[in-house]
Amino acid sequence: MSRMISVDGLVHGLSADYMTGRKTLLQVIDEQPTAFDRYAVIEQLKEKSRYARIVGEDKPCELLKLAEVIEIVEGGGVDGQG
């Protein structure tokens, strides 16, 4: 499974550990924290959703405030960091 990592963190790890010979390239990459956790984002979106009945619809619909969705996605699901 693939994961997103921070380029800034990777560059720092490469210059601090790989270029000095303290760690291998794979060690530096593996130690990078995930920058975006899609499962955590999905879970947060589910927690924030609300049901509402829209006029003309037979079933209730899930609603989310756009501002809340943007905040969750910008946080990346990883400790509120983007």
N, C-alpha and C. Protein backbone atom coordinates (compact mmCIF):
# COMPACT_ATOMS: atom_id res chain seq x y z
N MET A 1 0.85 -1.17 0.00
CA MET A 1 0.00 0.00 0.00
C MET A 1 0.90 1.24 0.00
N SER A 2 0.50 2.23 -0.76
CA SER A 2 1.29 3.45 -0.81
C SER A 2 0.84 4.43 0.26
N ARG A 3 1.71 5.37 0.59
CA ARG A 3 1.36 6.39 1.56
C ARG A 3 2.05 7.68 1.15
N MET A 4 1.47 8.78 1.56
CA MET A 4 2.05 10.09 1.25
C MET A 4 2.97 10.51 2.39
N ILE A 5 4.15 11.00 2.01
CA ILE A 5 5.08 11.52 3.01
C ILE A 5 5.45 12.95 2.64
N SER A 6 5.95 13.68 3.60
CA SER A 6 6.34 15.07 3.40
C SER A 6 7.68 15.15 2.67
N VAL A 7 7.72 15.92 1.60
CA VAL A 7 8.97 16.12 0.88
C VAL A 7 9.98 16.84 1.77
N ASP A 8 9.51 17.82 2.53
CA ASP A 8 10.41 18.56 3.41
C ASP A 8 11.05 17.64 4.45
N GLY A 9 10.26 16.75 5.01
CA GLY A 9 10.79 15.80 5.99
C GLY A 9 11.78 14.84 5.36
N LEU A 10 11.50 14.41 4.14
CA LEU A 10 12.39 13.49 3.45
C LEU A 10 13.73 14.17 3.14
N VAL A 11 13.67 15.39 2.64
CA VAL A 11 14.90 16.13 2.33
C VAL A 11 15.74 16.31 3.59
N HIS A 12 15.09 16.66 4.68
CA HIS A 12 15.81 16.82 5.95
C HIS A 12 16.46 15.50 6.37
N GLY A 13 15.69 14.41 6.29
CA GLY A 13 16.23 13.10 6.66
C GLY A 13 17.39 12.68 5.78
N LEU A 14 17.29 12.99 4.49
CA LEU A 14 18.38 12.64 3.57
C LEU A 14 19.65 13.41 3.92
N SER A 15 19.51 14.69 4.16
CA SER A 15 20.71 15.49 4.45
C SER A 15 21.27 15.19 5.84
N ALA A 16 20.42 14.91 6.80
CA ALA A 16 20.89 14.68 8.17
C ALA A 16 21.40 13.27 8.40
N ASP A 17 20.79 12.28 7.76
CA ASP A 17 21.14 10.89 8.07
C ASP A 17 21.76 10.11 6.91
N TYR A 18 21.20 10.25 5.72
CA TYR A 18 21.71 9.47 4.59
C TYR A 18 23.05 10.00 4.09
N MET A 19 23.12 11.30 3.89
CA MET A 19 24.35 11.89 3.34
C MET A 19 25.52 11.79 4.32
N THR A 20 25.22 11.66 5.59
CA THR A 20 26.30 11.52 6.59
C THR A 20 26.66 10.06 6.84
N GLY A 21 25.93 9.14 6.19
CA GLY A 21 26.24 7.72 6.32
C GLY A 21 25.66 7.05 7.54
N ARG A 22 24.81 7.75 8.29
CA ARG A 22 24.23 7.16 9.50
C ARG A 22 23.12 6.16 9.20
N LYS A 23 22.42 6.37 8.08
CA LYS A 23 21.30 5.49 7.74
C LYS A 23 21.29 5.22 6.25
N THR A 24 20.67 4.10 5.87
CA THR A 24 20.50 3.80 4.45
C THR A 24 19.34 4.62 3.90
N LEU A 25 19.27 4.68 2.59
CA LEU A 25 18.18 5.42 1.94
C LEU A 25 16.83 4.85 2.35
N LEU A 26 16.70 3.53 2.36
CA LEU A 26 15.43 2.91 2.74
C LEU A 26 15.07 3.20 4.19
N GLN A 27 16.04 3.25 5.07
CA GLN A 27 15.75 3.58 6.47
C GLN A 27 15.18 4.99 6.59
N VAL A 28 15.80 5.93 5.88
CA VAL A 28 15.33 7.31 5.92
C VAL A 28 13.90 7.40 5.40
N ILE A 29 13.62 6.74 4.29
CA ILE A 29 12.27 6.78 3.71
C ILE A 29 11.26 6.11 4.65
N ASP A 30 11.60 4.93 5.16
CA ASP A 30 10.68 4.20 6.04
C ASP A 30 10.35 4.96 7.32
N GLU A 31 11.27 5.77 7.80
CA GLU A 31 11.05 6.51 9.05
C GLU A 31 10.22 7.78 8.88
N GLN A 32 9.90 8.13 7.64
CA GLN A 32 9.12 9.35 7.42
C GLN A 32 7.67 9.12 7.86
N PRO A 33 7.12 10.07 8.62
CA PRO A 33 5.72 9.93 9.04
C PRO A 33 4.77 10.12 7.86
N THR A 34 3.62 9.52 7.96
CA THR A 34 2.60 9.67 6.93
C THR A 34 2.08 11.10 6.97
N ALA A 35 2.02 11.73 5.81
CA ALA A 35 1.58 13.13 5.73
C ALA A 35 0.08 13.24 5.52
N PHE A 36 -0.56 12.16 5.09
CA PHE A 36 -2.00 12.20 4.83
C PHE A 36 -2.55 10.80 5.06
N ASP A 37 -3.44 10.66 5.99
CA ASP A 37 -4.03 9.37 6.32
C ASP A 37 -5.48 9.36 5.83
N ARG A 38 -5.69 8.78 4.66
CA ARG A 38 -7.04 8.84 4.07
C ARG A 38 -8.09 8.15 4.92
N TYR A 39 -7.71 7.10 5.63
CA TYR A 39 -8.68 6.39 6.46
C TYR A 39 -9.11 7.26 7.64
N ALA A 40 -8.17 7.99 8.21
CA ALA A 40 -8.52 8.90 9.31
C ALA A 40 -9.40 10.04 8.81
N VAL A 41 -9.12 10.53 7.61
CA VAL A 41 -9.95 11.59 7.02
C VAL A 41 -11.36 11.08 6.80
N ILE A 42 -11.50 9.90 6.24
CA ILE A 42 -12.83 9.32 5.99
C ILE A 42 -13.58 9.14 7.31
N GLU A 43 -12.90 8.66 8.33
CA GLU A 43 -13.54 8.46 9.63
C GLU A 43 -14.02 9.79 10.21
N GLN A 44 -13.20 10.82 10.11
CA GLN A 44 -13.59 12.14 10.62
C GLN A 44 -14.78 12.69 9.84
N LEU A 45 -14.81 12.48 8.54
CA LEU A 45 -15.94 12.94 7.73
C LEU A 45 -17.22 12.23 8.16
N LYS A 46 -17.13 10.93 8.41
CA LYS A 46 -18.30 10.17 8.86
C LYS A 46 -18.80 10.68 10.21
N GLU A 47 -17.87 11.00 11.11
CA GLU A 47 -18.25 11.50 12.44
C GLU A 47 -18.95 12.85 12.36
N LYS A 48 -18.57 13.68 11.41
CA LYS A 48 -19.12 15.03 11.29
C LYS A 48 -20.42 15.08 10.49
N SER A 49 -20.72 14.03 9.76
CA SER A 49 -21.91 14.07 8.89
C SER A 49 -23.19 14.06 9.72
N ARG A 50 -24.19 14.71 9.19
CA ARG A 50 -25.51 14.79 9.83
C ARG A 50 -26.55 14.39 8.79
N TYR A 51 -27.65 13.86 9.27
CA TYR A 51 -28.74 13.49 8.36
C TYR A 51 -29.78 14.60 8.34
N ALA A 52 -30.32 14.84 7.16
CA ALA A 52 -31.38 15.84 7.01
C ALA A 52 -32.32 15.36 5.91
N ARG A 53 -33.56 15.76 6.03
CA ARG A 53 -34.52 15.40 4.99
C ARG A 53 -34.69 16.62 4.09
N ILE A 54 -34.40 16.42 2.82
CA ILE A 54 -34.50 17.49 1.84
C ILE A 54 -35.87 17.42 1.18
N VAL A 55 -36.49 18.57 0.99
CA VAL A 55 -37.82 18.63 0.37
C VAL A 55 -37.78 17.95 -0.99
N GLY A 56 -38.72 17.06 -1.20
CA GLY A 56 -38.81 16.35 -2.47
C GLY A 56 -38.04 15.04 -2.52
N GLU A 57 -37.26 14.76 -1.49
CA GLU A 57 -36.50 13.51 -1.45
C GLU A 57 -37.22 12.51 -0.54
N ASP A 58 -37.15 11.24 -0.90
CA ASP A 58 -37.80 10.20 -0.11
C ASP A 58 -37.00 9.80 1.13
N LYS A 59 -35.70 9.86 1.03
CA LYS A 59 -34.84 9.40 2.12
C LYS A 59 -34.00 10.56 2.66
N PRO A 60 -33.60 10.46 3.94
CA PRO A 60 -32.71 11.48 4.48
C PRO A 60 -31.35 11.45 3.77
N CYS A 61 -30.70 12.58 3.71
CA CYS A 61 -29.39 12.71 3.07
C CYS A 61 -28.36 13.09 4.12
N GLU A 62 -27.12 12.65 3.90
CA GLU A 62 -26.04 13.05 4.79
C GLU A 62 -25.53 14.42 4.36
N LEU A 63 -25.34 15.30 5.33
CA LEU A 63 -24.84 16.64 5.06
C LEU A 63 -23.59 16.92 5.87
N LEU A 64 -22.70 17.70 5.29
CA LEU A 64 -21.50 18.18 5.97
C LEU A 64 -21.31 19.65 5.63
N LYS A 65 -20.87 20.43 6.59
CA LYS A 65 -20.55 21.82 6.31
C LYS A 65 -19.25 21.87 5.52
N LEU A 66 -19.23 22.67 4.47
CA LEU A 66 -18.05 22.76 3.62
C LEU A 66 -16.81 23.17 4.43
N ALA A 67 -16.97 24.10 5.34
CA ALA A 67 -15.83 24.56 6.16
C ALA A 67 -15.25 23.41 6.98
N GLU A 68 -16.11 22.53 7.50
CA GLU A 68 -15.63 21.38 8.28
C GLU A 68 -14.89 20.39 7.39
N VAL A 69 -15.41 20.18 6.18
CA VAL A 69 -14.76 19.25 5.25
C VAL A 69 -13.37 19.78 4.89
N ILE A 70 -13.29 21.06 4.58
CA ILE A 70 -12.00 21.65 4.22
C ILE A 70 -11.02 21.53 5.38
N GLU A 71 -11.47 21.78 6.59
CA GLU A 71 -10.61 21.68 7.77
C GLU A 71 -10.09 20.25 7.95
N ILE A 72 -10.94 19.27 7.77
CA ILE A 72 -10.54 17.87 7.92
C ILE A 72 -9.52 17.48 6.85
N VAL A 73 -9.80 17.84 5.60
CA VAL A 73 -8.89 17.48 4.51
C VAL A 73 -7.55 18.19 4.66
N GLU A 74 -7.57 19.47 5.03
CA GLU A 74 -6.31 20.18 5.23
C GLU A 74 -5.50 19.57 6.37
N GLY A 75 -6.18 19.04 7.38
CA GLY A 75 -5.48 18.38 8.48
C GLY A 75 -4.86 17.06 8.07
N GLY A 76 -5.33 16.48 6.99
CA GLY A 76 -4.75 15.26 6.47
C GLY A 76 -5.00 14.03 7.31
N GLY A 77 -5.76 14.14 8.38
CA GLY A 77 -6.04 12.98 9.21
C GLY A 77 -4.89 12.58 10.10
N VAL A 78 -3.83 13.39 10.11
CA VAL A 78 -2.64 13.05 10.88
C VAL A 78 -2.40 14.12 11.93
N ASP A 79 -2.93 13.92 13.12
CA ASP A 79 -2.70 14.83 14.24
C ASP A 79 -2.99 16.28 13.91
N GLY A 80 -3.97 16.51 13.05
CA GLY A 80 -4.35 17.88 12.72
C GLY A 80 -3.33 18.64 11.91
N GLN A 81 -2.36 17.94 11.35
CA GLN A 81 -1.34 18.60 10.54
C GLN A 81 -1.63 18.36 9.07
N GLY A 82 -1.29 19.31 8.25
CA GLY A 82 -1.47 19.16 6.82
C GLY A 82 -0.23 18.72 6.12
